[in-house]
Amino acid sequence: MGQEVYVGNSGWNGTYDNKPVDPGAYYYVLKFDSGEIRKAAIEVVKE
C-alpha cells in the first residue's frame, strides 16, 4: 500500500508535505457518504 498524500474535499494541489510530488501515476479512492467507493488513478506530469 502506498503513502496517503491528501485527504479532503476541496481538491488536491499536487503537493505532499508542502512540496511538489514527483511525476508519476497516483492511485486514489473516493469514499462517498452513501457508502459508494470509486477507485482510479491520475498521472502527474511536469512541463
N, C-alpha and C. Protein backbone atom coordinates (compact mmCIF):
# COMPACT_ATOMS: atom_id res chain seq x y z
N MET A 1 0.85 -1.19 0.00
CA MET A 1 0.00 0.00 0.00
C MET A 1 0.89 1.24 0.00
N GLY A 2 0.42 2.29 -0.64
CA GLY A 2 1.22 3.50 -0.78
C GLY A 2 1.01 4.50 0.35
N GLN A 3 1.61 5.63 0.18
CA GLN A 3 1.53 6.72 1.16
C GLN A 3 0.33 7.61 0.87
N GLU A 4 -0.47 7.90 1.86
CA GLU A 4 -1.59 8.82 1.70
C GLU A 4 -1.05 10.24 1.57
N VAL A 5 -1.40 10.93 0.47
CA VAL A 5 -0.87 12.26 0.24
C VAL A 5 -1.91 13.36 0.38
N TYR A 6 -3.20 13.01 0.38
CA TYR A 6 -4.24 14.04 0.50
C TYR A 6 -5.52 13.43 1.04
N VAL A 7 -6.15 14.13 1.97
CA VAL A 7 -7.48 13.80 2.46
C VAL A 7 -8.26 15.10 2.52
N GLY A 8 -9.42 15.14 1.93
CA GLY A 8 -10.21 16.36 1.97
C GLY A 8 -11.24 16.39 0.86
N ASN A 9 -11.90 17.54 0.72
CA ASN A 9 -12.91 17.66 -0.32
C ASN A 9 -12.78 18.95 -1.11
N SER A 10 -11.66 19.64 -1.00
CA SER A 10 -11.51 20.91 -1.71
C SER A 10 -10.57 20.81 -2.91
N GLY A 11 -10.02 19.66 -3.19
CA GLY A 11 -9.13 19.49 -4.34
C GLY A 11 -7.67 19.43 -3.95
N TRP A 12 -6.95 18.57 -4.60
CA TRP A 12 -5.53 18.35 -4.31
C TRP A 12 -4.69 19.29 -5.17
N ASN A 13 -3.69 19.92 -4.61
CA ASN A 13 -2.86 20.88 -5.35
C ASN A 13 -1.55 20.29 -5.86
N GLY A 14 -1.39 18.97 -5.79
CA GLY A 14 -0.19 18.33 -6.32
C GLY A 14 1.01 18.36 -5.40
N THR A 15 0.76 18.62 -4.11
CA THR A 15 1.87 18.64 -3.16
C THR A 15 1.66 17.61 -2.05
N TYR A 16 2.77 17.28 -1.41
CA TYR A 16 2.75 16.44 -0.21
C TYR A 16 3.78 17.02 0.73
N ASP A 17 3.39 17.26 1.95
CA ASP A 17 4.29 17.84 2.96
C ASP A 17 4.82 19.19 2.47
N ASN A 18 3.95 19.95 1.82
CA ASN A 18 4.25 21.29 1.28
C ASN A 18 5.32 21.30 0.18
N LYS A 19 5.53 20.16 -0.48
CA LYS A 19 6.48 20.07 -1.59
C LYS A 19 5.79 19.42 -2.78
N PRO A 20 6.10 19.85 -4.01
CA PRO A 20 5.50 19.20 -5.19
C PRO A 20 5.84 17.71 -5.22
N VAL A 21 4.86 16.89 -5.60
CA VAL A 21 5.11 15.46 -5.72
C VAL A 21 5.89 15.17 -6.99
N ASP A 22 6.56 14.02 -7.03
CA ASP A 22 7.28 13.60 -8.22
C ASP A 22 6.29 13.22 -9.32
N PRO A 23 6.70 13.39 -10.58
CA PRO A 23 5.84 12.93 -11.67
C PRO A 23 5.61 11.42 -11.56
N GLY A 24 4.45 10.99 -12.00
CA GLY A 24 4.14 9.56 -11.98
C GLY A 24 2.65 9.33 -11.80
N ALA A 25 2.29 8.07 -11.70
CA ALA A 25 0.89 7.68 -11.53
C ALA A 25 0.55 7.66 -10.04
N TYR A 26 -0.61 8.20 -9.71
CA TYR A 26 -1.09 8.23 -8.34
C TYR A 26 -2.49 7.62 -8.30
N TYR A 27 -2.67 6.66 -7.43
CA TYR A 27 -3.91 5.93 -7.25
C TYR A 27 -4.76 6.68 -6.24
N TYR A 28 -6.06 6.76 -6.48
CA TYR A 28 -6.92 7.41 -5.50
C TYR A 28 -8.20 6.64 -5.25
N VAL A 29 -8.77 6.89 -4.08
CA VAL A 29 -10.02 6.26 -3.66
C VAL A 29 -10.96 7.36 -3.21
N LEU A 30 -12.15 7.39 -3.77
CA LEU A 30 -13.19 8.32 -3.34
C LEU A 30 -14.21 7.55 -2.52
N LYS A 31 -14.49 8.06 -1.33
CA LYS A 31 -15.48 7.43 -0.45
C LYS A 31 -16.61 8.43 -0.23
N PHE A 32 -17.80 8.08 -0.69
CA PHE A 32 -18.96 8.96 -0.60
C PHE A 32 -19.77 8.68 0.66
N ASP A 33 -20.52 9.67 1.13
CA ASP A 33 -21.35 9.50 2.31
C ASP A 33 -22.34 8.35 2.15
N SER A 34 -22.74 8.06 0.92
CA SER A 34 -23.69 6.98 0.65
C SER A 34 -23.07 5.60 0.84
N GLY A 35 -21.75 5.55 1.01
CA GLY A 35 -21.06 4.27 1.14
C GLY A 35 -20.40 3.82 -0.15
N GLU A 36 -20.72 4.49 -1.25
CA GLU A 36 -20.12 4.14 -2.53
C GLU A 36 -18.63 4.46 -2.51
N ILE A 37 -17.85 3.59 -3.15
CA ILE A 37 -16.40 3.77 -3.24
C ILE A 37 -16.01 3.69 -4.71
N ARG A 38 -15.21 4.63 -5.16
CA ARG A 38 -14.68 4.62 -6.53
C ARG A 38 -13.16 4.72 -6.47
N LYS A 39 -12.51 3.91 -7.31
CA LYS A 39 -11.05 3.87 -7.34
C LYS A 39 -10.57 4.16 -8.76
N ALA A 40 -9.49 4.89 -8.89
CA ALA A 40 -8.92 5.21 -10.19
C ALA A 40 -7.49 5.72 -9.99
N ALA A 41 -6.89 6.24 -11.06
CA ALA A 41 -5.53 6.77 -10.98
C ALA A 41 -5.45 8.05 -11.79
N ILE A 42 -4.51 8.89 -11.41
CA ILE A 42 -4.20 10.10 -12.19
C ILE A 42 -2.70 10.07 -12.46
N GLU A 43 -2.26 10.80 -13.46
CA GLU A 43 -0.83 10.90 -13.74
C GLU A 43 -0.40 12.35 -13.57
N VAL A 44 0.63 12.55 -12.77
CA VAL A 44 1.21 13.88 -12.57
C VAL A 44 2.36 14.02 -13.55
N VAL A 45 2.33 15.09 -14.34
CA VAL A 45 3.40 15.37 -15.30
C VAL A 45 3.97 16.75 -15.02
N LYS A 46 5.21 16.95 -15.34
CA LYS A 46 5.88 18.25 -15.19
C LYS A 46 6.10 18.82 -16.58
N GLU A 47 5.86 20.10 -16.74
CA GLU A 47 6.07 20.75 -18.04
C GLU A 47 7.50 21.20 -18.18
